[in-house]
N, C-alpha and C. Protein backbone atom coordinates (compact mmCIF):
# COMPACT_ATOMS: atom_id res chain seq x y z
N MET A 1 1.07 -1.03 0.11
CA MET A 1 -0.17 0.12 0.10
C MET A 1 0.83 0.99 -0.01
N GLN A 2 1.76 1.39 0.93
CA GLN A 2 2.72 2.45 1.01
C GLN A 2 3.46 2.93 -0.55
N ARG A 3 3.60 1.42 -1.23
CA ARG A 3 4.29 1.72 -2.44
C ARG A 3 3.63 2.64 -3.45
N TRP A 4 2.01 2.33 -3.31
CA TRP A 4 1.11 3.33 -4.26
C TRP A 4 0.69 4.46 -3.83
N ALA A 5 1.06 4.80 -2.58
CA ALA A 5 0.81 5.98 -2.00
C ALA A 5 1.63 7.14 -2.36
N ALA A 6 1.24 8.11 -3.26
CA ALA A 6 2.26 9.34 -3.59
C ALA A 6 2.62 9.90 -2.51
N ASP A 7 3.28 11.28 -2.46
CA ASP A 7 3.36 12.18 -1.42
C ASP A 7 2.32 12.72 -1.17
N SER A 8 1.41 12.97 -1.88
CA SER A 8 -0.05 13.96 -1.40
C SER A 8 -0.99 12.70 -0.30
N GLY A 9 -0.48 11.44 -0.42
CA GLY A 9 -1.40 10.49 0.37
C GLY A 9 -2.46 10.21 -0.63
N LYS A 10 -2.66 10.02 -2.09
CA LYS A 10 -3.60 9.78 -2.79
C LYS A 10 -2.95 8.17 -3.32
N ILE A 11 -3.92 7.46 -3.45
CA ILE A 11 -3.20 6.02 -4.09
C ILE A 11 -3.00 6.58 -5.56
N ALA A 12 -1.53 6.28 -6.06
CA ALA A 12 -1.45 6.29 -7.61
C ALA A 12 -1.55 4.61 -8.12
N GLU A 13 -1.09 4.90 -9.53
CA GLU A 13 -1.38 3.73 -9.95
C GLU A 13 0.26 2.49 -9.66
N ASP A 14 -0.09 1.33 -9.97
CA ASP A 14 0.92 0.46 -9.72
C ASP A 14 2.40 0.94 -10.14
N LEU A 15 3.15 1.03 -9.40
CA LEU A 15 4.18 1.56 -9.83
C LEU A 15 5.22 0.29 -9.78
N ARG A 16 4.99 -0.83 -9.55
CA ARG A 16 6.08 -1.88 -10.11
C ARG A 16 6.29 -1.78 -10.97
N ASN A 17 7.58 -2.33 -11.75
CA ASN A 17 8.18 -2.80 -12.83
C ASN A 17 7.10 -3.56 -13.80
N GLN A 18 6.56 -3.24 -14.88
CA GLN A 18 5.97 -4.12 -16.03
C GLN A 18 6.75 -5.51 -16.44
N PRO A 19 6.37 -6.28 -16.65
CA PRO A 19 7.19 -7.34 -17.34
C PRO A 19 7.59 -6.80 -18.75
N LYS A 20 8.82 -7.38 -19.14
CA LYS A 20 9.39 -6.75 -20.42
C LYS A 20 8.65 -8.12 -21.31
N THR A 21 8.43 -7.74 -22.61
CA THR A 21 7.79 -8.89 -23.32
C THR A 21 8.95 -8.67 -24.37
N LYS A 22 9.53 -10.30 -24.43
CA LYS A 22 10.66 -10.25 -25.71
C LYS A 22 9.68 -10.35 -26.95
N VAL A 23 10.11 -10.06 -28.01
CA VAL A 23 9.88 -10.60 -29.47
C VAL A 23 10.65 -11.90 -29.58
N PRO A 24 10.31 -12.55 -30.25
CA PRO A 24 10.79 -13.98 -30.58
C PRO A 24 11.97 -13.41 -31.55
N HIS A 25 12.79 -14.58 -31.61
CA HIS A 25 13.59 -14.32 -32.44
C HIS A 25 13.23 -14.84 -34.27
N ASN A 26 12.33 -15.84 -34.17
CA ASN A 26 11.87 -16.10 -35.60
C ASN A 26 10.51 -15.48 -35.83
N LYS A 27 9.85 -14.49 -35.11
CA LYS A 27 9.01 -13.96 -35.37
C LYS A 27 9.09 -13.47 -36.97
N LEU A 28 7.74 -13.53 -37.76
CA LEU A 28 7.67 -13.38 -39.13
C LEU A 28 7.71 -11.97 -39.53
N THR A 29 8.16 -11.22 -40.33
CA THR A 29 8.25 -9.65 -40.81
C THR A 29 7.13 -9.45 -41.42
N ALA A 30 6.86 -8.52 -41.86
CA ALA A 30 5.59 -7.85 -42.78
C ALA A 30 5.75 -8.43 -43.82
N GLN A 31 7.00 -8.34 -44.45
CA GLN A 31 7.40 -8.94 -46.04
C GLN A 31 7.13 -10.55 -46.00
N GLU A 32 7.25 -10.93 -44.89
CA GLU A 32 6.80 -12.58 -45.15
C GLU A 32 5.49 -12.92 -44.92
N ARG A 33 4.69 -12.27 -43.91
CA ARG A 33 3.82 -12.20 -43.88
C ARG A 33 2.59 -12.20 -45.34
N GLN A 34 3.17 -11.09 -45.91
CA GLN A 34 2.55 -10.68 -47.18
C GLN A 34 2.95 -11.62 -48.40
N ASP A 35 4.18 -12.39 -48.08
CA ASP A 35 4.43 -13.01 -48.98
C ASP A 35 3.78 -14.25 -48.94
N ILE A 36 2.89 -14.85 -47.84
CA ILE A 36 2.41 -15.61 -47.48
C ILE A 36 0.94 -15.48 -48.23
N LEU A 37 0.34 -14.20 -47.80
CA LEU A 37 -0.89 -13.97 -48.49
C LEU A 37 -0.91 -13.98 -50.02
N ASP A 38 0.26 -13.41 -50.47
CA ASP A 38 0.51 -13.32 -52.32
C ASP A 38 0.20 -14.86 -52.41
N VAL A 39 0.86 -15.49 -52.04
CA VAL A 39 1.03 -17.01 -52.51
C VAL A 39 -0.43 -17.68 -52.45
N CYS A 40 -0.92 -17.57 -51.25
CA CYS A 40 -2.50 -18.18 -51.03
C CYS A 40 -3.49 -17.45 -51.81
N ASN A 41 -3.31 -16.00 -52.32
CA ASN A 41 -4.41 -15.33 -53.00
C ASN A 41 -3.86 -15.65 -54.37
N ALA A 42 -3.14 -16.36 -55.00
CA ALA A 42 -2.70 -16.46 -56.30
C ALA A 42 -3.43 -17.38 -56.62
N PRO A 43 -4.02 -17.02 -58.20
CA PRO A 43 -5.18 -17.89 -58.83
C PRO A 43 -4.94 -19.60 -58.83
N GLU A 44 -3.47 -19.76 -58.82
CA GLU A 44 -2.82 -21.23 -58.51
C GLU A 44 -3.66 -21.83 -57.30
N TYR A 45 -3.70 -21.10 -56.52
CA TYR A 45 -3.86 -21.57 -54.97
C TYR A 45 -4.92 -20.86 -54.40
N ALA A 46 -5.61 -20.22 -54.90
CA ALA A 46 -6.57 -19.31 -54.34
C ALA A 46 -7.85 -20.36 -53.71
N ASP A 47 -8.12 -21.16 -54.24
CA ASP A 47 -9.19 -22.10 -53.72
C ASP A 47 -8.68 -23.70 -52.96
N LEU A 48 -7.32 -23.29 -52.60
CA LEU A 48 -6.83 -24.75 -51.44
C LEU A 48 -6.65 -24.00 -50.49
N PRO A 49 -6.77 -25.25 -49.43
CA PRO A 49 -6.39 -24.73 -48.10
C PRO A 49 -4.61 -25.09 -47.98
N PRO A 50 -4.18 -24.65 -46.85
CA PRO A 50 -2.58 -24.55 -46.51
C PRO A 50 -2.19 -26.14 -46.21
N ASN A 51 -2.77 -27.07 -46.11
CA ASN A 51 -2.31 -28.25 -46.18
C ASN A 51 -2.06 -28.89 -47.25
N VAL A 52 -2.65 -28.09 -48.70
CA VAL A 52 -2.29 -28.49 -49.85
C VAL A 52 -1.38 -27.93 -50.53
N VAL A 53 -1.43 -26.40 -49.99
CA VAL A 53 -0.75 -25.62 -50.80
C VAL A 53 0.98 -25.70 -50.37
N VAL A 54 1.17 -26.09 -48.95
CA VAL A 54 2.54 -26.19 -48.19
C VAL A 54 3.10 -26.96 -49.23
N PRO A 55 2.36 -28.32 -49.34
CA PRO A 55 3.53 -29.60 -50.05
C PRO A 55 3.58 -29.18 -51.58
N MET A 56 2.81 -28.50 -52.18
CA MET A 56 3.06 -28.24 -53.71
C MET A 56 3.87 -27.42 -53.99
N LEU A 57 4.01 -26.47 -53.14
CA LEU A 57 5.42 -25.41 -52.95
C LEU A 57 6.34 -26.25 -52.53
N ALA A 58 6.60 -27.05 -51.92
CA ALA A 58 7.69 -28.22 -51.56
C ALA A 58 7.94 -28.98 -52.71
N ASP A 59 6.97 -29.15 -53.50
CA ASP A 59 7.47 -30.17 -54.51
C ASP A 59 8.11 -29.09 -55.73
N LYS A 60 8.10 -28.03 -55.70
CA LYS A 60 8.67 -27.21 -56.34
C LYS A 60 10.02 -26.36 -56.16
N GLY A 61 10.37 -26.84 -54.72
CA GLY A 61 11.78 -26.28 -53.77
C GLY A 61 11.28 -24.95 -53.24
N ILE A 62 10.24 -24.59 -52.96
CA ILE A 62 9.84 -23.45 -52.23
C ILE A 62 9.53 -23.58 -50.89
N TYR A 63 10.16 -23.08 -49.74
CA TYR A 63 9.76 -22.99 -48.38
C TYR A 63 9.44 -21.36 -48.06
N ILE A 64 8.42 -21.38 -47.67
CA ILE A 64 7.92 -20.01 -47.41
C ILE A 64 7.81 -19.78 -45.46
N ALA A 65 7.15 -20.94 -45.43
CA ALA A 65 6.52 -21.06 -43.76
C ALA A 65 5.95 -22.46 -43.68
N SER A 66 5.75 -22.90 -42.21
CA SER A 66 5.48 -24.09 -42.07
C SER A 66 3.74 -23.99 -42.46
N GLU A 67 3.17 -25.00 -42.35
CA GLU A 67 1.65 -25.37 -42.46
C GLU A 67 0.99 -24.56 -41.23
N SER A 68 1.16 -24.69 -40.44
CA SER A 68 0.69 -23.98 -39.01
C SER A 68 0.52 -22.73 -38.97
N THR A 69 1.73 -22.23 -39.59
CA THR A 69 2.32 -20.66 -39.92
C THR A 69 1.42 -20.23 -40.89
N PHE A 70 1.01 -20.82 -42.10
CA PHE A 70 0.20 -20.33 -42.77
C PHE A 70 -1.32 -20.42 -42.24
N TYR A 71 -1.73 -21.42 -41.90
CA TYR A 71 -2.88 -21.74 -41.19
C TYR A 71 -3.19 -20.15 -40.51
N ARG A 72 -2.37 -19.61 -39.70
CA ARG A 72 -2.32 -18.67 -38.53
C ARG A 72 -2.65 -17.28 -39.11
N VAL A 73 -1.53 -17.17 -40.14
CA VAL A 73 -1.61 -15.78 -41.31
C VAL A 73 -2.77 -15.85 -41.70
N LEU A 74 -3.34 -16.88 -42.38
CA LEU A 74 -4.78 -16.46 -43.30
C LEU A 74 -5.90 -16.43 -42.07
N LYS A 75 -5.61 -17.11 -40.70
CA LYS A 75 -6.94 -17.20 -40.00
C LYS A 75 -6.94 -15.54 -39.53
N GLU A 76 -5.83 -15.18 -38.99
CA GLU A 76 -5.71 -13.38 -38.68
C GLU A 76 -6.05 -12.81 -39.77
N CYS A 77 -6.44 -12.61 -41.16
CA CYS A 77 -6.45 -11.77 -42.12
C CYS A 77 -7.90 -12.31 -42.38
N SER A 78 -8.53 -13.02 -41.86
CA SER A 78 -10.08 -13.68 -42.08
C SER A 78 -10.06 -13.98 -43.50
N GLN A 79 -9.02 -14.85 -43.83
CA GLN A 79 -9.32 -15.57 -45.32
C GLN A 79 -9.26 -17.29 -44.98
N LEU A 80 -9.33 -17.64 -44.03
CA LEU A 80 -9.44 -19.19 -43.69
C LEU A 80 -10.79 -19.93 -44.00
N LYS A 81 -11.83 -18.93 -43.80
CA LYS A 81 -13.12 -19.76 -43.56
C LYS A 81 -13.60 -20.66 -44.38
N ARG A 82 -13.54 -20.27 -45.61
CA ARG A 82 -13.75 -20.69 -46.73
C ARG A 82 -13.01 -20.48 -48.17
N ARG A 83 -12.41 -21.50 -48.52
CA ARG A 83 -11.34 -20.96 -49.54
C ARG A 83 -11.87 -21.29 -51.09
N GLY A 84 -12.03 -20.21 -51.71
CA GLY A 84 -12.22 -20.77 -53.14
C GLY A 84 -13.96 -20.22 -53.49
N GLY A 85 -14.30 -20.14 -54.65
CA GLY A 85 -15.48 -19.78 -54.86
C GLY A 85 -16.39 -20.57 -55.00
N SER A 86 -16.46 -21.91 -54.15
CA SER A 86 -17.55 -23.13 -54.08
C SER A 86 -18.46 -22.40 -53.37
N ALA A 87 -19.72 -23.03 -53.57
CA ALA A 87 -20.89 -22.60 -52.77
C ALA A 87 -20.91 -23.18 -51.45
N SER A 88 -21.21 -22.68 -50.43
CA SER A 88 -21.33 -23.16 -49.12
C SER A 88 -22.22 -24.46 -48.99
N ILE A 89 -21.66 -25.40 -47.94
CA ILE A 89 -21.89 -26.57 -47.77
C ILE A 89 -23.46 -26.57 -47.56
N SER A 90 -24.12 -27.77 -47.95
CA SER A 90 -25.71 -27.18 -47.76
C SER A 90 -26.02 -28.36 -46.53
N ARG A 91 -26.40 -28.53 -45.29
CA ARG A 91 -26.73 -29.76 -44.60
C ARG A 91 -28.08 -30.45 -45.25
N ALA A 92 -27.95 -31.67 -44.98
CA ALA A 92 -29.34 -32.37 -45.32
C ALA A 92 -29.96 -32.21 -44.09
N LYS A 93 -31.60 -32.59 -44.36
CA LYS A 93 -32.39 -32.13 -43.03
C LYS A 93 -33.09 -33.61 -43.06
N PRO A 94 -33.80 -33.69 -42.09
CA PRO A 94 -34.17 -34.83 -41.85
C PRO A 94 -35.22 -35.52 -42.95
N ASN A 95 -34.94 -36.73 -43.32
CA ASN A 95 -35.81 -37.58 -44.18
C ASN A 95 -35.72 -36.71 -45.69
N GLN A 96 -34.45 -36.47 -45.97
CA GLN A 96 -34.28 -35.65 -47.18
C GLN A 96 -33.02 -36.62 -47.96
N VAL A 97 -32.39 -37.64 -47.29
CA VAL A 97 -31.24 -38.13 -47.98
C VAL A 97 -31.70 -39.52 -47.36
N TRP A 98 -31.73 -40.47 -48.21
CA TRP A 98 -31.87 -41.67 -48.22
C TRP A 98 -30.99 -42.64 -48.91
N SER A 99 -31.10 -43.96 -48.40
CA SER A 99 -30.02 -44.77 -48.78
C SER A 99 -30.51 -45.87 -48.83
N TRP A 100 -29.96 -47.07 -49.62
CA TRP A 100 -30.61 -48.17 -49.39
C TRP A 100 -29.45 -49.50 -49.74
N ASP A 101 -29.84 -50.54 -49.25
CA ASP A 101 -28.65 -51.97 -49.37
C ASP A 101 -29.09 -52.65 -50.77
N ILE A 102 -28.14 -52.54 -51.57
CA ILE A 102 -28.84 -53.16 -53.00
C ILE A 102 -28.64 -54.82 -52.95
N SER A 103 -28.12 -55.43 -51.75
CA SER A 103 -27.82 -56.76 -51.85
C SER A 103 -29.27 -57.51 -51.82
N TYR A 104 -30.26 -56.78 -51.67
CA TYR A 104 -31.84 -57.80 -51.35
C TYR A 104 -32.76 -57.33 -52.38
N LEU A 105 -32.13 -56.77 -53.59
CA LEU A 105 -32.71 -56.45 -54.92
C LEU A 105 -32.69 -57.77 -55.93
N PRO A 106 -33.76 -57.97 -56.34
CA PRO A 106 -33.61 -59.16 -57.36
C PRO A 106 -32.77 -58.75 -58.59
N SER A 107 -32.27 -60.19 -58.82
CA SER A 107 -30.92 -59.87 -59.93
C SER A 107 -31.46 -61.49 -61.00
N ILE A 108 -30.78 -61.46 -61.85
CA ILE A 108 -30.82 -62.29 -62.86
C ILE A 108 -30.10 -63.79 -62.22
N THR A 109 -28.80 -63.65 -61.77
CA THR A 109 -28.22 -64.45 -60.95
C THR A 109 -29.07 -65.32 -60.35
N ARG A 110 -29.36 -66.71 -60.25
CA ARG A 110 -29.78 -67.74 -59.10
C ARG A 110 -28.89 -68.33 -58.78
N VAL A 111 -29.25 -68.63 -57.35
CA VAL A 111 -28.62 -69.44 -56.14
C VAL A 111 -29.20 -70.69 -56.57
N ASN A 112 -28.09 -71.50 -56.40
CA ASN A 112 -28.94 -73.19 -56.86
C ASN A 112 -28.96 -73.52 -55.01
N THR A 113 -29.99 -74.05 -54.96
CA THR A 113 -30.68 -74.59 -53.51
C THR A 113 -30.31 -75.85 -53.26
N THR A 114 -30.06 -76.48 -54.20
CA THR A 114 -29.81 -78.01 -54.00
C THR A 114 -28.75 -78.40 -53.87
N THR A 115 -28.24 -79.42 -52.84
CA THR A 115 -26.74 -79.52 -52.11
C THR A 115 -26.59 -80.92 -52.64
N SER A 116 -25.26 -81.16 -52.92
CA SER A 116 -25.17 -82.44 -53.52
C SER A 116 -24.28 -83.08 -52.61
N MET A 117 -24.28 -84.33 -52.00
CA MET A 117 -23.66 -84.84 -50.62
C MET A 117 -22.99 -86.43 -51.68
């Protein structure tokens, strides 16, 4: 309490040292982030997710960043939700999608019911 009390007796803000935040040595630069966005928005990769883009770049001998970094940068720029121009996925409603088992359908092949012993 004494530490926060100023000479006038009024309580001041916390005067303890604030923790120093260190910048990671491997933090992406603005140019590297822009390179990731440029590659992901190129027509060749625009409709592909990062788990496909990164291996395609690796096949060409290009390494920009890891797959998780691609995901992180795209998420921060709100470009990860739906990649490409395809329509959104429509969910099936009850009683709208039916399937069946074709093993019980009649066919031309007949099974021999007599057994020989």
